[in-house]
Amino acid sequence: MAQAGIHAMVGMVAGKFAGKRQWLLLGAILGSFVPDLDNFVVAYATLAKLPTEGIHRTATHSVFFVAAMVLVFYLIGQWRKDVRWVNLGIGLGLGNLLHSLLDMLVWFNGVNLFWPFGGEINLWANVAPPEWFMKFMDPAEFLCFGIYLWVLGSWARKYNTDKDFAAKHRMWMMIQFALFVIFTPLVYIMTKGFLTIFGALYLFSITTAFLVTVRMRKTVEAAEA
């Protein structure tokens, strides 16, 4: 997978180009995070000593999951008679789909785009990247979270929004950059326990980025206008 922060920034760009529809940009950004939330299931299976094969890059990366999500929010929008919920669903679907496509284009593992009907797609099946590079991709998650939060903060400054949250936003952003600095050497020197610690902090970070985005929705809505 590409780093979750990269996915979020792709969602930012795609949502802006998708048109001025309220909550669509918010949906595109949040939808970019959604596929990798399956890592919570992976973590549970790991702790419960259950098989983890076939969990990541399957259900939440499928076009059928995208379609179901869009349909659910369409129905919510019809029920509430509020087109913003329909727009949110379209944005979520857009962000989710772009996440899966980006995973296929820039990463070295397959994506089950048509799960549960099989057909894993791996465009890089015959490519073996250097070990040092693959290790670096773990701490790079924190770097990309930090950059995403920095971009979100730049939007807030540009549109003069969420000023009451600026200090906390800055704190969360700096935590991500600090984690990158700490974990970059650790990934090369720790022989045991790295993935456990990294995995826990990755889940913390993706949850934080998701919730900060929701908290700063006024900034995102201002960017939609």
Foldseek 3Di string as FASTA:
>chain_A
DAFLLVLLVVLQVVQLVVALDALLSLLQNLLLLQLVVLLVVLVVCVVVVHDNPPRHQAPLLELVVLVVQLVVQVVVCVVVVHCNSNSSSNSSSNSSPVNNVVCQVPHQDWHNHHPPVDDTHHPNPPPDDDPLVVLLSLLVSLVSLLVSLVVLLVLCVVLVPPPVCNVVSVVLSVVSVVSSVVVSVVSVPDPPDSCVVSSVVSSVSSVVSSVVSVVRVVSVSSSSD
